[in-house]
Amino acid sequence: NTQFTVMKAGYYLISYDIETTAGLLLNTSVFKNNAVVDELVRTPGLAAKSFSCSGIIHLEAGDVLQLTLYGLLATAVLANGIGAYMTAIPIN
């Protein structure tokens, strides 16, 4: 599944990790309702194989979260196993 829909409003700890098979110059972020969440952007500035970030944000019931790679001029191949994940833990 590529999206997560929030069922209950409140504060959440959002974390993600992405592992690729090759070093890539790209940005990663969580998007909320098709808009970037500034607290959850990772822009390393150098080619990297691992991208991770976490932050606490307030979400409303019905908000849709999506983990996204962008700014890439090539194809990103995720590492074997769990190449990418995102967690949303309520902290109310």
Protein backbone atom coordinates (compact mmCIF):
# COMPACT_ATOMS: atom_id res chain seq x y z
CA ASN A 1 0.00 0.00 0.00
CA THR A 2 1.37 3.43 -0.88
CA GLN A 3 -0.90 5.58 1.26
CA PHE A 4 -1.97 5.74 4.88
CA THR A 5 -5.26 7.35 5.91
CA VAL A 6 -5.44 8.73 9.46
CA MET A 7 -8.47 7.47 11.37
CA LYS A 8 -8.24 9.66 14.48
CA ALA A 9 -7.07 13.28 14.89
CA GLY A 10 -4.08 13.96 17.11
CA TYR A 11 -0.32 14.19 17.26
CA TYR A 12 1.68 11.42 15.60
CA LEU A 13 5.32 10.42 15.51
CA ILE A 14 6.00 9.83 11.81
CA SER A 15 9.16 7.95 10.88
CA TYR A 16 10.45 6.57 7.60
CA ASP A 17 13.47 4.84 6.14
CA ILE A 18 14.31 4.19 2.50
CA GLU A 19 17.21 2.01 1.33
CA THR A 20 18.23 1.95 -2.35
CA THR A 21 20.64 -0.33 -4.17
CA ALA A 22 22.79 2.56 -5.43
CA GLY A 23 23.72 6.03 -4.23
CA LEU A 24 21.23 8.53 -5.64
CA LEU A 25 20.89 12.30 -5.57
CA LEU A 26 17.24 12.69 -4.57
CA ASN A 27 14.94 14.12 -1.94
CA THR A 28 12.51 12.23 0.27
CA SER A 29 9.48 13.41 2.19
CA VAL A 30 6.11 12.53 3.54
CA PHE A 31 3.25 14.25 1.76
CA LYS A 32 0.02 15.02 3.60
CA ASN A 33 -3.03 15.47 1.38
CA ASN A 34 -0.70 15.95 -1.65
CA ALA A 35 1.39 18.67 0.05
CA VAL A 36 4.93 18.23 1.37
CA VAL A 37 5.33 18.10 5.17
CA ASP A 38 8.32 20.39 5.78
CA GLU A 39 9.27 18.65 9.04
CA LEU A 40 9.67 15.34 7.20
CA VAL A 41 11.85 16.37 4.22
CA ARG A 42 15.30 14.88 3.70
CA THR A 43 17.54 16.64 1.16
CA PRO A 44 21.05 15.24 1.61
CA GLY A 45 22.69 17.25 -1.21
CA LEU A 46 24.97 14.30 -2.01
CA ALA A 47 24.27 10.90 -3.49
CA ALA A 48 23.06 8.54 -0.77
CA LYS A 49 21.70 4.99 -0.44
CA SER A 50 19.89 5.51 2.85
CA PHE A 51 17.28 8.14 3.68
CA SER A 52 15.52 8.40 7.03
CA CYS A 53 13.63 11.05 8.97
CA SER A 54 11.19 11.38 11.84
CA GLY A 55 9.09 14.12 13.36
CA ILE A 56 5.96 14.86 15.34
CA ILE A 57 3.07 16.43 13.47
CA HIS A 58 -0.63 17.02 14.09
CA LEU A 59 -2.99 15.14 11.80
CA GLU A 60 -6.73 15.30 11.29
CA ALA A 61 -9.01 12.31 10.73
CA GLY A 62 -9.08 11.63 6.99
CA ASP A 63 -5.61 13.06 6.28
CA VAL A 64 -3.73 10.93 3.75
CA LEU A 65 0.02 10.37 4.12
CA GLN A 66 2.33 9.20 1.35
CA LEU A 67 6.08 8.54 1.40
CA THR A 68 7.65 10.03 -1.73
CA LEU A 69 10.98 10.16 -3.57
CA TYR A 70 11.43 13.18 -5.84
CA GLY A 71 14.02 15.24 -7.70
CA LEU A 72 15.44 12.09 -9.26
CA LEU A 73 16.65 11.92 -12.85
CA ALA A 74 17.00 8.12 -12.81
CA THR A 75 15.18 5.07 -11.53
CA ALA A 76 15.36 4.27 -7.82
CA VAL A 77 15.60 0.56 -7.05
CA LEU A 78 14.74 -0.32 -3.47
CA ALA A 79 17.03 -2.67 -1.57
CA ASN A 80 15.96 -6.29 -1.09
CA GLY A 81 13.79 -7.03 1.92
CA ILE A 82 12.18 -3.96 3.44
CA GLY A 83 13.46 -1.30 1.05
CA ALA A 84 11.14 1.36 2.43
CA TYR A 85 8.76 1.83 5.32
CA MET A 86 6.83 4.54 7.09
CA THR A 87 5.28 4.39 10.57
CA ALA A 88 2.67 6.63 12.16
CA ILE A 89 2.42 6.23 15.94
CA PRO A 90 -0.21 8.24 17.87
CA ILE A 91 1.26 10.08 20.86
CA ASN A 92 -1.82 11.76 22.34
